[in-house]
């Protein structure tokens, strides 16, 4: 038996060890399931998340890089643990940790948007994306940052759904595939250039807007909506710089965005009113 056939049989055996508990997403290029691993004695472990990707779509490669890093001893605070990557026929599969908690979208809905909510969660969101940018060389660019792709448990935040994440290519001029959620994705993701760390900065700016306003971003109305929601000017400036059309005008890294956010929060929360009114 040749090695290729043996590898296919091994992959099929691994794939059949899981019981599908629920189908969470079923699209043309990607299928997401909640599964349980079933042992030979019938005992179950889980739940886990299993994703299938069309092999020719070029999706899901980030999971292999995360798995390789974890096998070499890397530990991540904000990324799900990946347990297995394999191919079955014309599909690539990944099995990973089922992250507990609620989506960021659910948390904003339950708590209502506010500066305080942004102060609690946005730094953790930035830290999650920093793990993709700074712990991998070359960086992983998420490309689908949006409220439903972060899980929140207490103050802990996990970034999920890395299906369209890509490895930055210093020699590329454009992305080979144009994906992403239009309201959050930067213009270069749809044909204006190659995505890099600043592309995720743009999407994080839109996510910060959502934390402050709970509205689907429309780039031409961002400033007006921020003012309507009485968002302090220091925070408005952070959002508007992050979502600049030209990547050169944005914060040049997620860390720079996070620092600007922290500084704006410090300005917003300065106890200056009493002094301004002339009180001793």
C-alpha atoms as a PDB file:
ATOM      1  CA  UNK A   1       0.000   0.000   0.000  1.00  0.00           C
ATOM      2  CA  UNK A   2       1.509   3.327  -1.038  1.00  0.00           C
ATOM      3  CA  UNK A   3       1.891   6.214   1.414  1.00  0.00           C
ATOM      4  CA  UNK A   4      -0.752   8.405  -0.248  1.00  0.00           C
ATOM      5  CA  UNK A   5      -3.450   5.723  -0.010  1.00  0.00           C
ATOM      6  CA  UNK A   6      -2.498   4.967   3.605  1.00  0.00           C
ATOM      7  CA  UNK A   7      -2.763   8.661   4.433  1.00  0.00           C
ATOM      8  CA  UNK A   8      -6.258   8.834   2.876  1.00  0.00           C
ATOM      9  CA  UNK A   9      -7.406   5.789   4.845  1.00  0.00           C
ATOM     10  CA  UNK A  10      -6.004   7.226   8.076  1.00  0.00           C
ATOM     11  CA  UNK A  11      -7.824  10.490   7.444  1.00  0.00           C
ATOM     12  CA  UNK A  12     -11.115   8.687   6.815  1.00  0.00           C
ATOM     13  CA  UNK A  13     -10.694   6.695  10.030  1.00  0.00           C
ATOM     14  CA  UNK A  14     -10.053   9.889  12.013  1.00  0.00           C
ATOM     15  CA  UNK A  15     -13.002  11.625  10.396  1.00  0.00           C
ATOM     16  CA  UNK A  16     -15.418   8.802  11.215  1.00  0.00           C
ATOM     17  CA  UNK A  17     -14.537   8.873  14.912  1.00  0.00           C
ATOM     18  CA  UNK A  18     -16.725  11.924  15.451  1.00  0.00           C
ATOM     19  CA  UNK A  19     -20.460  12.149  16.060  1.00  0.00           C
ATOM     20  CA  UNK A  20     -22.084  15.271  14.645  1.00  0.00           C
ATOM     21  CA  UNK A  21     -24.129  17.011  17.325  1.00  0.00           C
ATOM     22  CA  UNK A  22     -25.150  20.089  15.321  1.00  0.00           C
ATOM     23  CA  UNK A  23     -24.409  21.820  12.028  1.00  0.00           C
ATOM     24  CA  UNK A  24     -23.555  25.424  12.896  1.00  0.00           C
ATOM     25  CA  UNK A  25     -22.795  26.707   9.401  1.00  0.00           C
ATOM     26  CA  UNK A  26     -23.177  25.193   5.961  1.00  0.00           C
ATOM     27  CA  UNK A  27     -21.935  27.284   3.067  1.00  0.00           C
ATOM     28  CA  UNK A  28     -20.655  26.617  -0.420  1.00  0.00           C
ATOM     29  CA  UNK A  29     -16.987  26.577   0.625  1.00  0.00           C
ATOM     30  CA  UNK A  30     -17.159  25.868   4.365  1.00  0.00           C
ATOM     31  CA  UNK A  31     -19.123  23.686   6.777  1.00  0.00           C
ATOM     32  CA  UNK A  32     -18.932  24.006  10.566  1.00  0.00           C
ATOM     33  CA  UNK A  33     -20.123  21.300  12.965  1.00  0.00           C
ATOM     34  CA  UNK A  34     -20.198  20.724  16.703  1.00  0.00           C
ATOM     35  CA  UNK A  35     -18.965  17.168  17.212  1.00  0.00           C
ATOM     36  CA  UNK A  36     -18.072  14.639  19.900  1.00  0.00           C
ATOM     37  CA  UNK A  37     -15.218  12.166  19.670  1.00  0.00           C
ATOM     38  CA  UNK A  38     -16.497   8.593  20.132  1.00  0.00           C
ATOM     39  CA  UNK A  39     -14.053   6.057  21.564  1.00  0.00           C
ATOM     40  CA  UNK A  40     -13.985   2.331  20.776  1.00  0.00           C
ATOM     41  CA  UNK A  41     -15.897   1.622  24.003  1.00  0.00           C
ATOM     42  CA  UNK A  42     -18.618   4.119  23.041  1.00  0.00           C
ATOM     43  CA  UNK A  43     -17.518   6.828  25.494  1.00  0.00           C
ATOM     44  CA  UNK A  44     -17.592  10.399  24.170  1.00  0.00           C
ATOM     45  CA  UNK A  45     -15.326  13.400  24.576  1.00  0.00           C
ATOM     46  CA  UNK A  46     -16.146  16.938  23.596  1.00  0.00           C
ATOM     47  CA  UNK A  47     -17.718  18.993  22.329  1.00  0.00           C
ATOM     48  CA  UNK A  48     -15.285  20.065  19.616  1.00  0.00           C
ATOM     49  CA  UNK A  49     -15.680  22.202  16.519  1.00  0.00           C
ATOM     50  CA  UNK A  50     -14.978  20.577  13.161  1.00  0.00           C
ATOM     51  CA  UNK A  51     -14.705  22.615   9.986  1.00  0.00           C
ATOM     52  CA  UNK A  52     -14.527  21.431   6.393  1.00  0.00           C
ATOM     53  CA  UNK A  53     -13.096  23.581   3.594  1.00  0.00           C
ATOM     54  CA  UNK A  54     -13.060  23.065  -0.150  1.00  0.00           C
ATOM     55  CA  UNK A  55      -9.444  22.160  -0.955  1.00  0.00           C
ATOM     56  CA  UNK A  56      -9.333  24.418  -4.005  1.00  0.00           C
ATOM     57  CA  UNK A  57     -10.708  27.460  -2.170  1.00  0.00           C
ATOM     58  CA  UNK A  58      -7.464  28.121  -0.323  1.00  0.00           C
ATOM     59  CA  UNK A  59      -9.232  28.446   3.021  1.00  0.00           C
ATOM     60  CA  UNK A  60      -8.304  27.248   6.488  1.00  0.00           C
ATOM     61  CA  UNK A  61      -4.518  27.414   6.158  1.00  0.00           C
ATOM     62  CA  UNK A  62      -4.203  29.442   9.377  1.00  0.00           C
ATOM     63  CA  UNK A  63      -5.335  26.445  11.414  1.00  0.00           C
ATOM     64  CA  UNK A  64      -2.410  24.374  10.177  1.00  0.00           C
ATOM     65  CA  UNK A  65       0.023  27.107  11.209  1.00  0.00           C
ATOM     66  CA  UNK A  66      -1.592  27.334  14.647  1.00  0.00           C
ATOM     67  CA  UNK A  67      -1.466  23.541  15.061  1.00  0.00           C
ATOM     68  CA  UNK A  68       2.210  23.466  14.066  1.00  0.00           C
ATOM     69  CA  UNK A  69       3.000  26.252  16.543  1.00  0.00           C
ATOM     70  CA  UNK A  70       1.123  24.509  19.336  1.00  0.00           C
ATOM     71  CA  UNK A  71       2.919  21.241  18.643  1.00  0.00           C
ATOM     72  CA  UNK A  72       6.194  23.152  19.050  1.00  0.00           C
ATOM     73  CA  UNK A  73       5.103  24.330  22.490  1.00  0.00           C
ATOM     74  CA  UNK A  74       3.420  27.665  21.769  1.00  0.00           C
ATOM     75  CA  UNK A  75       0.485  28.579  23.995  1.00  0.00           C
ATOM     76  CA  UNK A  76      -2.040  31.234  23.086  1.00  0.00           C
ATOM     77  CA  UNK A  77      -4.376  33.128  25.395  1.00  0.00           C
ATOM     78  CA  UNK A  78      -6.908  34.161  22.771  1.00  0.00           C
ATOM     79  CA  UNK A  79      -6.871  31.435  20.089  1.00  0.00           C
ATOM     80  CA  UNK A  80      -8.761  28.126  20.232  1.00  0.00           C
ATOM     81  CA  UNK A  81      -6.614  25.034  20.607  1.00  0.00           C
ATOM     82  CA  UNK A  82      -6.368  23.111  17.337  1.00  0.00           C
ATOM     83  CA  UNK A  83      -6.270  19.330  17.770  1.00  0.00           C
ATOM     84  CA  UNK A  84      -6.068  17.975  14.215  1.00  0.00           C
ATOM     85  CA  UNK A  85      -5.847  18.967  10.559  1.00  0.00           C
ATOM     86  CA  UNK A  86      -6.321  16.428   7.767  1.00  0.00           C
ATOM     87  CA  UNK A  87      -7.751  15.995   4.273  1.00  0.00           C
ATOM     88  CA  UNK A  88     -10.729  13.890   3.269  1.00  0.00           C
ATOM     89  CA  UNK A  89     -11.307  13.590  -0.462  1.00  0.00           C
ATOM     90  CA  UNK A  90     -11.640  17.100  -1.877  1.00  0.00           C
ATOM     91  CA  UNK A  91     -11.995  18.720   1.544  1.00  0.00           C
ATOM     92  CA  UNK A  92      -9.613  19.864   4.246  1.00  0.00           C
ATOM     93  CA  UNK A  93     -10.794  19.358   7.813  1.00  0.00           C
ATOM     94  CA  UNK A  94      -9.803  20.884  11.131  1.00  0.00           C
ATOM     95  CA  UNK A  95     -10.863  19.829  14.637  1.00  0.00           C
ATOM     96  CA  UNK A  96     -10.480  22.378  17.410  1.00  0.00           C
ATOM     97  CA  UNK A  97     -11.560  23.463  20.843  1.00  0.00           C
ATOM     98  CA  UNK A  98     -15.199  24.494  21.247  1.00  0.00           C
ATOM     99  CA  UNK A  99     -14.731  27.891  22.897  1.00  0.00           C
ATOM    100  CA  UNK A 100     -17.287  28.628  25.650  1.00  0.00           C
ATOM    101  CA  UNK A 101     -19.095  31.911  26.193  1.00  0.00           C
ATOM    102  CA  UNK A 102     -21.194  34.301  24.135  1.00  0.00           C
ATOM    103  CA  UNK A 103     -20.346  36.112  20.940  1.00  0.00           C
ATOM    104  CA  UNK A 104     -19.312  39.727  21.223  1.00  0.00           C
ATOM    105  CA  UNK A 105     -22.474  40.593  19.293  1.00  0.00           C
ATOM    106  CA  UNK A 106     -24.595  38.907  21.971  1.00  0.00           C
ATOM    107  CA  UNK A 107     -22.720  40.691  24.764  1.00  0.00           C
ATOM    108  CA  UNK A 108     -23.259  44.110  23.178  1.00  0.00           C
ATOM    109  CA  UNK A 109     -26.945  43.306  22.690  1.00  0.00           C
ATOM    110  CA  UNK A 110     -27.371  42.260  26.330  1.00  0.00           C
ATOM    111  CA  UNK A 111     -25.257  45.018  27.903  1.00  0.00           C
ATOM    112  CA  UNK A 112     -25.944  47.855  25.423  1.00  0.00           C
ATOM    113  CA  UNK A 113     -23.108  49.749  23.743  1.00  0.00           C
ATOM    114  CA  UNK A 114     -21.066  52.073  25.928  1.00  0.00           C
ATOM    115  CA  UNK A 115     -17.637  53.504  26.615  1.00  0.00           C
ATOM    116  CA  UNK A 116     -17.413  51.254  29.678  1.00  0.00           C
ATOM    117  CA  UNK A 117     -18.126  48.124  27.636  1.00  0.00           C
ATOM    118  CA  UNK A 118     -15.501  49.162  25.088  1.00  0.00           C
ATOM    119  CA  UNK A 119     -13.026  49.825  27.905  1.00  0.00           C
ATOM    120  CA  UNK A 120     -13.597  46.308  29.268  1.00  0.00           C
ATOM    121  CA  UNK A 121     -13.488  44.333  26.024  1.00  0.00           C
ATOM    122  CA  UNK A 122     -11.671  46.233  23.270  1.00  0.00           C
ATOM    123  CA  UNK A 123      -8.157  45.831  24.754  1.00  0.00           C
ATOM    124  CA  UNK A 124      -8.747  42.059  24.947  1.00  0.00           C
ATOM    125  CA  UNK A 125      -9.938  42.037  21.340  1.00  0.00           C
ATOM    126  CA  UNK A 126      -6.773  43.867  20.301  1.00  0.00           C
ATOM    127  CA  UNK A 127      -4.634  41.397  22.262  1.00  0.00           C
ATOM    128  CA  UNK A 128      -6.333  38.529  20.424  1.00  0.00           C
ATOM    129  CA  UNK A 129      -5.452  39.938  17.007  1.00  0.00           C
ATOM    130  CA  UNK A 130      -1.939  40.781  18.217  1.00  0.00           C
ATOM    131  CA  UNK A 131      -1.387  37.062  18.794  1.00  0.00           C
ATOM    132  CA  UNK A 132      -2.029  36.461  15.093  1.00  0.00           C
ATOM    133  CA  UNK A 133       0.189  39.341  13.990  1.00  0.00           C
ATOM    134  CA  UNK A 134       3.071  39.056  16.452  1.00  0.00           C
ATOM    135  CA  UNK A 135       3.343  35.375  17.345  1.00  0.00           C
ATOM    136  CA  UNK A 136       3.631  34.237  13.719  1.00  0.00           C
ATOM    137  CA  UNK A 137       6.301  35.131  11.183  1.00  0.00           C
ATOM    138  CA  UNK A 138       5.107  36.140   8.659  1.00  0.00           C
ATOM    139  CA  UNK A 139       1.957  37.449  10.373  1.00  0.00           C
ATOM    140  CA  UNK A 140      -1.481  35.902  10.072  1.00  0.00           C
ATOM    141  CA  UNK A 141      -4.064  38.428   8.876  1.00  0.00           C
ATOM    142  CA  UNK A 142      -7.555  37.545  10.127  1.00  0.00           C
ATOM    143  CA  UNK A 143      -9.550  39.369   7.391  1.00  0.00           C
ATOM    144  CA  UNK A 144     -12.961  38.640   8.923  1.00  0.00           C
ATOM    145  CA  UNK A 145     -13.025  40.628  12.153  1.00  0.00           C
ATOM    146  CA  UNK A 146     -16.627  41.223  13.236  1.00  0.00           C
ATOM    147  CA  UNK A 147     -18.706  40.909  16.432  1.00  0.00           C
ATOM    148  CA  UNK A 148     -19.787  37.324  15.764  1.00  0.00           C
ATOM    149  CA  UNK A 149     -16.182  36.126  15.417  1.00  0.00           C
ATOM    150  CA  UNK A 150     -15.182  36.812  19.022  1.00  0.00           C
ATOM    151  CA  UNK A 151     -16.279  34.746  22.006  1.00  0.00           C
ATOM    152  CA  UNK A 152     -16.499  36.361  25.442  1.00  0.00           C
ATOM    153  CA  UNK A 153     -16.454  34.556  28.777  1.00  0.00           C
ATOM    154  CA  UNK A 154     -16.203  37.024  31.648  1.00  0.00           C
ATOM    155  CA  UNK A 155     -13.409  39.372  30.621  1.00  0.00           C
ATOM    156  CA  UNK A 156     -11.668  36.731  28.476  1.00  0.00           C
ATOM    157  CA  UNK A 157     -11.938  37.128  24.705  1.00  0.00           C
ATOM    158  CA  UNK A 158     -11.191  34.501  22.052  1.00  0.00           C
ATOM    159  CA  UNK A 159     -10.982  35.094  18.311  1.00  0.00           C
ATOM    160  CA  UNK A 160     -12.637  32.391  16.210  1.00  0.00           C
ATOM    161  CA  UNK A 161     -13.439  31.579  12.584  1.00  0.00           C
ATOM    162  CA  UNK A 162     -10.009  31.854  10.991  1.00  0.00           C
ATOM    163  CA  UNK A 163     -11.200  30.287   7.744  1.00  0.00           C
ATOM    164  CA  UNK A 164     -10.216  33.201   5.509  1.00  0.00           C
ATOM    165  CA  UNK A 165      -7.163  34.278   7.507  1.00  0.00           C
ATOM    166  CA  UNK A 166      -4.092  34.439   5.297  1.00  0.00           C
ATOM    167  CA  UNK A 167      -0.345  34.567   5.680  1.00  0.00           C
ATOM    168  CA  UNK A 168       1.092  37.956   4.761  1.00  0.00           C
ATOM    169  CA  UNK A 169       3.197  37.817   1.581  1.00  0.00           C
ATOM    170  CA  UNK A 170       5.700  40.656   1.280  1.00  0.00           C
ATOM    171  CA  UNK A 171       5.973  40.085  -2.491  1.00  0.00           C
ATOM    172  CA  UNK A 172       2.232  40.222  -3.228  1.00  0.00           C
ATOM    173  CA  UNK A 173       0.418  43.324  -4.483  1.00  0.00           C
ATOM    174  CA  UNK A 174      -3.171  42.097  -4.093  1.00  0.00           C
ATOM    175  CA  UNK A 175      -5.019  39.324  -2.293  1.00  0.00           C
ATOM    176  CA  UNK A 176      -5.610  36.239  -4.390  1.00  0.00           C
ATOM    177  CA  UNK A 177      -9.061  35.818  -2.874  1.00  0.00           C
ATOM    178  CA  UNK A 178     -11.483  38.594  -1.989  1.00  0.00           C
ATOM    179  CA  UNK A 179     -13.537  37.574   1.021  1.00  0.00           C
ATOM    180  CA  UNK A 180     -14.781  39.148   4.207  1.00  0.00           C
ATOM    181  CA  UNK A 181     -17.826  40.860   5.646  1.00  0.00           C
ATOM    182  CA  UNK A 182     -18.310  44.049   3.666  1.00  0.00           C
ATOM    183  CA  UNK A 183     -19.261  46.323   6.586  1.00  0.00           C
ATOM    184  CA  UNK A 184     -16.041  45.509   8.470  1.00  0.00           C
ATOM    185  CA  UNK A 185     -13.559  44.678   5.713  1.00  0.00           C
ATOM    186  CA  UNK A 186     -11.171  47.367   4.395  1.00  0.00           C
ATOM    187  CA  UNK A 187     -11.205  48.505   0.752  1.00  0.00           C
ATOM    188  CA  UNK A 188      -7.929  46.728  -0.076  1.00  0.00           C
ATOM    189  CA  UNK A 189      -9.625  43.417   0.704  1.00  0.00           C
ATOM    190  CA  UNK A 190     -11.868  43.937  -2.306  1.00  0.00           C
ATOM    191  CA  UNK A 191      -9.314  44.703  -4.971  1.00  0.00           C
ATOM    192  CA  UNK A 192      -7.435  47.828  -3.868  1.00  0.00           C
ATOM    193  CA  UNK A 193      -4.257  46.113  -2.675  1.00  0.00           C
ATOM    194  CA  UNK A 194      -2.892  43.388  -0.405  1.00  0.00           C
ATOM    195  CA  UNK A 195      -4.220  42.985   3.116  1.00  0.00           C
ATOM    196  CA  UNK A 196      -1.722  43.373   5.940  1.00  0.00           C
ATOM    197  CA  UNK A 197      -1.828  44.198   9.655  1.00  0.00           C
ATOM    198  CA  UNK A 198      -3.377  47.577   8.870  1.00  0.00           C
ATOM    199  CA  UNK A 199      -6.308  45.801   7.232  1.00  0.00           C
ATOM    200  CA  UNK A 200      -7.171  44.209  10.563  1.00  0.00           C
ATOM    201  CA  UNK A 201      -6.686  47.649  12.189  1.00  0.00           C
ATOM    202  CA  UNK A 202      -9.447  48.946   9.899  1.00  0.00           C
ATOM    203  CA  UNK A 203     -11.791  46.132  10.902  1.00  0.00           C
ATOM    204  CA  UNK A 204     -10.974  46.678  14.584  1.00  0.00           C
ATOM    205  CA  UNK A 205     -11.914  50.330  14.159  1.00  0.00           C
ATOM    206  CA  UNK A 206     -15.286  49.226  12.820  1.00  0.00           C
ATOM    207  CA  UNK A 207     -15.610  46.797  15.725  1.00  0.00           C
ATOM    208  CA  UNK A 208     -14.881  49.601  18.200  1.00  0.00           C
ATOM    209  CA  UNK A 209     -17.585  51.631  16.484  1.00  0.00           C
ATOM    210  CA  UNK A 210     -19.985  48.724  17.078  1.00  0.00           C
ATOM    211  CA  UNK A 211     -19.044  48.519  20.763  1.00  0.00           C
ATOM    212  CA  UNK A 212     -19.826  52.223  21.102  1.00  0.00           C
ATOM    213  CA  UNK A 213     -22.954  52.426  18.940  1.00  0.00           C
ATOM    214  CA  UNK A 214     -24.286  48.897  18.218  1.00  0.00           C
ATOM    215  CA  UNK A 215     -24.928  49.768  14.591  1.00  0.00           C
ATOM    216  CA  UNK A 216     -23.701  48.055  11.448  1.00  0.00           C
ATOM    217  CA  UNK A 217     -20.899  50.307  10.189  1.00  0.00           C
ATOM    218  CA  UNK A 218     -21.379  52.372   7.035  1.00  0.00           C
ATOM    219  CA  UNK A 219     -18.086  54.083   6.382  1.00  0.00           C
ATOM    220  CA  UNK A 220     -19.597  57.300   5.005  1.00  0.00           C
ATOM    221  CA  UNK A 221     -21.735  57.796   8.137  1.00  0.00           C
ATOM    222  CA  UNK A 222     -19.311  56.760  10.882  1.00  0.00           C
ATOM    223  CA  UNK A 223     -18.569  60.292  12.117  1.00  0.00           C
ATOM    224  CA  UNK A 224     -22.236  61.305  12.127  1.00  0.00           C
ATOM    225  CA  UNK A 225     -23.369  58.199  14.024  1.00  0.00           C
ATOM    226  CA  UNK A 226     -20.596  58.571  16.607  1.00  0.00           C
ATOM    227  CA  UNK A 227     -21.720  62.143  17.250  1.00  0.00           C
ATOM    228  CA  UNK A 228     -25.373  61.092  17.443  1.00  0.00           C
ATOM    229  CA  UNK A 229     -24.467  58.573  20.138  1.00  0.00           C
ATOM    230  CA  UNK A 230     -22.521  61.251  22.047  1.00  0.00           C
ATOM    231  CA  UNK A 231     -19.275  59.317  21.826  1.00  0.00           C
ATOM    232  CA  UNK A 232     -16.511  61.516  23.303  1.00  0.00           C
ATOM    233  CA  UNK A 233     -14.390  63.255  20.679  1.00  0.00           C
ATOM    234  CA  UNK A 234     -11.171  61.537  21.798  1.00  0.00           C
ATOM    235  CA  UNK A 235     -12.709  58.123  21.080  1.00  0.00           C
ATOM    236  CA  UNK A 236     -14.238  59.360  17.832  1.00  0.00           C
ATOM    237  CA  UNK A 237     -10.790  60.363  16.623  1.00  0.00           C
ATOM    238  CA  UNK A 238      -9.448  56.863  17.328  1.00  0.00           C
ATOM    239  CA  UNK A 239     -12.241  55.211  15.340  1.00  0.00           C
ATOM    240  CA  UNK A 240     -11.933  57.613  12.408  1.00  0.00           C
ATOM    241  CA  UNK A 241      -8.169  57.178  12.100  1.00  0.00           C
ATOM    242  CA  UNK A 242      -8.461  53.393  12.297  1.00  0.00           C
ATOM    243  CA  UNK A 243     -10.975  53.291   9.422  1.00  0.00           C
ATOM    244  CA  UNK A 244      -9.110  55.632   7.069  1.00  0.00           C
ATOM    245  CA  UNK A 245      -9.384  54.594   3.414  1.00  0.00           C
ATOM    246  CA  UNK A 246      -5.617  54.713   2.890  1.00  0.00           C
ATOM    247  CA  UNK A 247      -3.748  52.179   5.053  1.00  0.00           C
ATOM    248  CA  UNK A 248      -0.921  54.708   5.431  1.00  0.00           C
ATOM    249  CA  UNK A 249      -3.298  57.018   7.315  1.00  0.00           C
ATOM    250  CA  UNK A 250      -4.377  54.350   9.820  1.00  0.00           C
ATOM    251  CA  UNK A 251      -2.604  53.209  12.961  1.00  0.00           C
ATOM    252  CA  UNK A 252       0.256  51.132  11.618  1.00  0.00           C
ATOM    253  CA  UNK A 253      -0.230  48.247  14.044  1.00  0.00           C
ATOM    254  CA  UNK A 254      -2.853  46.859  16.394  1.00  0.00           C
ATOM    255  CA  UNK A 255      -0.631  47.791  19.329  1.00  0.00           C
ATOM    256  CA  UNK A 256      -0.593  51.415  18.163  1.00  0.00           C
ATOM    257  CA  UNK A 257      -4.386  51.336  17.937  1.00  0.00           C
ATOM    258  CA  UNK A 258      -4.633  49.839  21.431  1.00  0.00           C
ATOM    259  CA  UNK A 259      -2.318  52.523  22.858  1.00  0.00           C
ATOM    260  CA  UNK A 260      -4.381  55.283  21.240  1.00  0.00           C
ATOM    261  CA  UNK A 261      -7.550  53.743  22.633  1.00  0.00           C
ATOM    262  CA  UNK A 262      -6.070  53.600  26.145  1.00  0.00           C
ATOM    263  CA  UNK A 263      -4.991  57.236  25.879  1.00  0.00           C
ATOM    264  CA  UNK A 264      -8.436  58.313  24.709  1.00  0.00           C
ATOM    265  CA  UNK A 265     -10.065  56.475  27.621  1.00  0.00           C
ATOM    266  CA  UNK A 266      -7.710  58.272  30.029  1.00  0.00           C
ATOM    267  CA  UNK A 267      -8.764  61.620  28.542  1.00  0.00           C
ATOM    268  CA  UNK A 268     -12.456  60.746  28.643  1.00  0.00           C
ATOM    269  CA  UNK A 269     -12.331  59.643  32.266  1.00  0.00           C
ATOM    270  CA  UNK A 270     -10.219  62.484  33.660  1.00  0.00           C
ATOM    271  CA  UNK A 271     -12.020  64.032  36.680  1.00  0.00           C
ATOM    272  CA  UNK A 272     -11.643  67.500  35.196  1.00  0.00           C
ATOM    273  CA  UNK A 273     -15.215  68.815  35.455  1.00  0.00           C
ATOM    274  CA  UNK A 274     -14.904  70.102  39.001  1.00  0.00           C
ATOM    275  CA  UNK A 275     -11.652  71.908  38.212  1.00  0.00           C
ATOM    276  CA  UNK A 276     -13.155  73.419  35.059  1.00  0.00           C
ATOM    277  CA  UNK A 277     -16.043  74.812  37.097  1.00  0.00           C
ATOM    278  CA  UNK A 278     -13.662  76.554  39.460  1.00  0.00           C
ATOM    279  CA  UNK A 279     -14.210  74.314  42.474  1.00  0.00           C
ATOM    280  CA  UNK A 280     -11.298  74.092  44.916  1.00  0.00           C
END
